[in-house]
Amino acid sequence: MDQVDLKGNTFGLFAAHPLTPLLSLHHSDYTDPIFPNMTTTQALKHLFEAVNVDSQRMLQQTVCYDRRYSWTISVSWGYAVQVFPNHMLLQDVLKVQETFKQWRKGNMLAKSYTFNTIALHRDPCKRSTVFFMDSVSSDKDGIISSYKKSFQNCSINAKSPIKLEVIKVITNKLDLGIKQLQAPRRHCCDVLPSTVGNQMEIAIRECKDEELIYMH
């Protein structure tokens, strides 16, 4: 993606970004800050904390499932993790949620996006629980990025992802060759066992050939 010609809340696009690398952001004066409780400048500076650690993995989306609770987890590395309270079809998770507004209202071509979109559910309690990137660090063993839950006002039940407070994502630095950049493939992720009730840990890895997300 080399340009953002949208207005308002661009969360949907950043959370399900195409596989192509993020190159630049335009029209930031017309979009909301990409992180909550920050100014636009603060939010971009925060985003670049992740860019400086692993620029090639930035905003790369992967999807995995928590079989215990039938949750669907979508990771947009360096930006946000979404936990959906049900099992969702992969093709629906990969679609961009229409959280934003069209650039020119009333223009019939304004909504002719170059990516597949899906309407945002009207009921906030039927939407995903969102965790925004809080910190990222790296050492010889890999990279750990931490995501904290944004504000929620829905009731909690035994199987609700709302009870989660923190999600940690474990990765190795992505180093793509020329062929991989020309024909990028998604990575896969696994939900790791955790003894902390309000925390989830996820490991991102290369997919096996037969894994469904590898083919999208």
Protein backbone atom coordinates (compact mmCIF):
# COMPACT_ATOMS: atom_id res chain seq x y z
CA MET A 1 0.00 0.00 0.00
CA ASP A 2 1.51 3.32 -0.98
CA GLN A 3 -1.30 5.71 -0.06
CA VAL A 4 -4.31 6.01 2.25
CA ASP A 5 -7.18 7.92 0.61
CA LEU A 6 -9.69 7.42 3.40
CA LYS A 7 -11.20 9.56 6.14
CA GLY A 8 -11.99 8.94 9.78
CA ASN A 9 -11.12 5.70 11.56
CA THR A 10 -8.69 3.65 9.46
CA PHE A 11 -8.52 0.80 11.98
CA GLY A 12 -10.23 -1.64 9.60
CA LEU A 13 -7.56 -1.21 6.94
CA PHE A 14 -4.60 -1.35 9.30
CA ALA A 15 -5.99 -4.43 11.06
CA ALA A 16 -6.37 -6.36 7.79
CA HIS A 17 -3.67 -4.78 5.66
CA PRO A 18 -2.84 -6.36 2.26
CA LEU A 19 0.31 -8.47 2.14
CA THR A 20 2.23 -5.76 0.32
CA PRO A 21 4.61 -3.78 2.58
CA LEU A 22 3.46 -0.51 4.12
CA LEU A 23 5.32 2.27 2.32
CA SER A 24 3.77 5.59 3.28
CA LEU A 25 0.76 7.26 4.88
CA HIS A 26 -1.05 10.21 3.30
CA HIS A 27 -3.85 12.56 4.36
CA SER A 28 -3.21 12.00 8.07
CA ASP A 29 -4.97 15.32 8.71
CA TYR A 30 -8.24 13.68 7.64
CA THR A 31 -7.88 10.46 9.61
CA ASP A 32 -8.18 9.69 13.30
CA PRO A 33 -5.00 8.84 15.26
CA ILE A 34 -4.27 5.17 14.62
CA PHE A 35 -3.82 4.45 18.35
CA PRO A 36 -6.36 5.47 21.01
CA ASN A 37 -5.67 8.27 23.50
CA MET A 38 -2.85 9.70 21.38
CA THR A 39 -2.41 12.60 19.01
CA THR A 40 -1.65 11.79 15.38
CA THR A 41 2.02 12.60 15.91
CA GLN A 42 2.24 10.47 19.06
CA ALA A 43 0.46 7.58 17.32
CA LEU A 44 2.81 7.59 14.33
CA LYS A 45 5.83 7.75 16.62
CA HIS A 46 4.43 4.78 18.55
CA LEU A 47 3.88 2.84 15.31
CA PHE A 48 7.51 3.38 14.33
CA GLU A 49 8.67 1.73 17.54
CA ALA A 50 7.57 -1.51 15.87
CA VAL A 51 8.79 -0.46 12.41
CA ASN A 52 12.29 0.05 13.81
CA VAL A 53 12.32 -3.48 15.23
CA ASP A 54 10.91 -5.40 12.24
CA SER A 55 9.90 -3.24 9.28
CA GLN A 56 9.16 -6.15 6.94
CA ARG A 57 6.64 -7.72 9.31
CA MET A 58 4.85 -4.42 9.97
CA LEU A 59 1.04 -4.78 9.72
CA GLN A 60 1.33 -8.29 8.30
CA GLN A 61 -1.86 -10.13 9.20
CA THR A 62 -2.12 -13.71 10.37
CA VAL A 63 -5.07 -15.63 11.78
CA CYS A 64 -5.29 -18.48 14.26
CA TYR A 65 -7.97 -20.15 16.37
CA ASP A 66 -8.33 -20.86 20.07
CA ARG A 67 -10.08 -24.23 20.06
CA ARG A 68 -10.78 -24.15 23.79
CA TYR A 69 -13.10 -21.15 23.54
CA SER A 70 -13.84 -21.23 19.77
CA TRP A 71 -12.25 -17.79 19.40
CA THR A 72 -10.81 -16.40 16.18
CA ILE A 73 -7.64 -14.32 16.59
CA SER A 74 -6.34 -11.90 13.97
CA VAL A 75 -2.89 -10.39 14.46
CA SER A 76 -1.81 -7.26 12.60
CA TRP A 77 1.78 -7.26 13.79
CA GLY A 78 2.99 -4.02 15.34
CA TYR A 79 -0.50 -2.55 15.42
CA ALA A 80 -3.35 -4.56 16.92
CA VAL A 81 -4.74 -7.98 17.78
CA GLN A 82 -8.43 -8.74 17.40
CA VAL A 83 -10.17 -11.56 19.27
CA PHE A 84 -13.56 -12.51 17.84
CA PRO A 85 -15.90 -14.35 20.28
CA ASN A 86 -16.73 -17.07 17.76
CA HIS A 87 -15.23 -19.21 15.02
CA MET A 88 -15.13 -17.18 11.81
CA LEU A 89 -14.44 -18.17 8.24
CA LEU A 90 -10.93 -17.22 7.19
CA GLN A 91 -12.07 -15.24 4.16
CA ASP A 92 -14.27 -13.05 6.38
CA VAL A 93 -11.44 -12.33 8.84
CA LEU A 94 -9.16 -11.27 5.99
CA LYS A 95 -11.67 -8.69 4.72
CA VAL A 96 -11.21 -5.04 5.69
CA GLN A 97 -13.84 -3.81 8.16
CA GLU A 98 -15.43 -0.57 6.98
CA THR A 99 -14.55 1.58 9.99
CA PHE A 100 -13.59 4.47 7.70
CA LYS A 101 -15.46 6.92 5.50
CA GLN A 102 -15.17 7.30 1.76
CA TRP A 103 -12.85 10.05 0.57
CA ARG A 104 -15.44 11.93 -1.50
CA LYS A 105 -18.99 11.53 -0.26
CA GLY A 106 -21.51 10.91 -3.02
CA ASN A 107 -18.90 9.80 -5.56
CA MET A 108 -20.04 6.45 -6.99
CA LEU A 109 -16.43 5.39 -7.50
CA ALA A 110 -15.34 6.41 -4.00
CA LYS A 111 -16.18 2.99 -2.55
CA SER A 112 -14.50 1.06 -5.37
CA TYR A 113 -11.69 -0.11 -3.11
CA THR A 114 -8.81 -2.28 -4.26
CA PHE A 115 -9.48 -4.66 -1.35
CA ASN A 116 -12.45 -6.69 -0.13
CA THR A 117 -14.48 -5.05 2.64
CA ILE A 118 -17.04 -6.17 5.20
CA ALA A 119 -19.54 -4.00 7.08
CA LEU A 120 -18.82 -3.25 10.73
CA HIS A 121 -21.35 -5.02 12.98
CA ARG A 122 -23.87 -2.54 14.40
CA ASP A 123 -23.78 -4.17 17.83
CA PRO A 124 -20.43 -3.36 19.54
CA CYS A 125 -20.75 -6.52 21.64
CA LYS A 126 -20.75 -8.61 18.44
CA ARG A 127 -17.50 -7.06 17.25
CA SER A 128 -14.00 -8.21 18.08
CA THR A 129 -12.23 -7.28 21.31
CA VAL A 130 -9.29 -5.11 20.24
CA PHE A 131 -5.81 -5.03 21.78
CA PHE A 132 -3.50 -2.26 20.57
CA MET A 133 0.28 -2.52 20.49
CA ASP A 134 1.76 -1.30 23.76
CA SER A 135 5.44 -2.23 23.49
CA VAL A 136 7.90 -4.23 21.43
CA SER A 137 11.35 -5.55 22.33
CA SER A 138 13.93 -7.84 20.77
CA ASP A 139 16.88 -9.92 21.90
CA LYS A 140 18.86 -12.93 20.69
CA ASP A 141 15.87 -15.21 21.32
CA GLY A 142 13.42 -13.25 19.16
CA ILE A 143 10.90 -10.43 19.30
CA ILE A 144 8.08 -9.98 21.81
CA SER A 145 5.34 -7.46 21.14
CA SER A 146 2.72 -6.73 23.78
CA TYR A 147 -0.85 -5.61 23.08
CA LYS A 148 -3.24 -4.15 25.66
CA LYS A 149 -7.03 -4.18 25.54
CA SER A 150 -8.79 -1.04 24.44
CA PHE A 151 -11.95 0.22 26.17
CA GLN A 152 -14.88 -2.19 26.24
CA ASN A 153 -18.34 -1.76 27.71
CA CYS A 154 -19.89 -5.17 27.08
CA SER A 155 -20.75 -7.67 29.77
CA ILE A 156 -18.37 -10.55 30.49
CA ASN A 157 -19.28 -14.22 30.44
CA ALA A 158 -17.17 -17.32 31.04
CA LYS A 159 -16.13 -17.65 27.39
CA SER A 160 -15.84 -13.96 26.56
CA PRO A 161 -12.47 -12.68 25.28
CA ILE A 162 -13.22 -9.42 27.07
CA LYS A 163 -11.70 -10.83 30.27
CA LEU A 164 -8.30 -10.82 28.55
CA GLU A 165 -6.14 -7.79 29.32
CA VAL A 166 -2.84 -8.47 27.53
CA ILE A 167 -1.77 -10.45 24.47
CA LYS A 168 1.90 -11.17 23.85
CA VAL A 169 3.07 -12.13 20.37
CA ILE A 170 6.36 -13.97 19.89
CA THR A 171 8.15 -13.84 16.54
CA ASN A 172 11.51 -13.99 14.84
CA LYS A 173 12.60 -11.07 12.70
CA LEU A 174 11.18 -11.33 9.20
CA ASP A 175 13.82 -11.29 6.49
CA LEU A 176 12.20 -11.67 3.09
CA GLY A 177 14.17 -12.41 -0.04
CA ILE A 178 13.41 -10.86 -3.44
CA LYS A 179 11.21 -13.77 -4.53
CA GLN A 180 9.23 -13.63 -1.30
CA LEU A 181 8.70 -9.90 -1.70
CA GLN A 182 7.42 -10.46 -5.24
CA ALA A 183 5.07 -13.27 -4.16
CA PRO A 184 4.44 -12.76 -0.44
CA ARG A 185 2.83 -15.45 1.69
CA ARG A 186 1.13 -15.12 5.05
CA HIS A 187 2.60 -16.63 8.17
CA CYS A 188 0.69 -18.79 10.62
CA CYS A 189 0.21 -18.49 14.37
CA ASP A 190 -0.49 -20.71 17.37
CA VAL A 191 -2.14 -19.91 20.70
CA LEU A 192 0.28 -21.05 23.41
CA PRO A 193 -0.75 -22.54 26.78
CA SER A 194 -0.97 -19.84 29.46
CA THR A 195 -1.37 -20.08 33.22
CA VAL A 196 -2.35 -16.41 33.49
CA GLY A 197 -6.11 -16.02 33.16
CA ASN A 198 -6.11 -12.52 31.71
CA GLN A 199 -3.21 -13.01 29.31
CA MET A 200 -2.80 -14.80 25.98
CA GLU A 201 0.45 -15.72 24.25
CA ILE A 202 0.71 -16.26 20.51
CA ALA A 203 3.64 -17.52 18.45
CA ILE A 204 3.95 -16.59 14.77
CA ARG A 205 5.74 -19.05 12.51
CA GLU A 206 6.09 -20.03 8.88
CA CYS A 207 3.11 -21.96 7.56
CA LYS A 208 3.15 -25.51 6.36
CA ASP A 209 2.15 -25.98 2.73
CA GLU A 210 -1.26 -27.46 3.57
CA GLU A 211 -2.35 -24.75 6.01
CA LEU A 212 -5.27 -22.73 4.68
CA ILE A 213 -4.04 -19.22 5.48
CA TYR A 214 -0.81 -19.91 3.57
CA MET A 215 -2.91 -20.08 0.39
CA HIS A 216 -4.55 -16.65 0.92
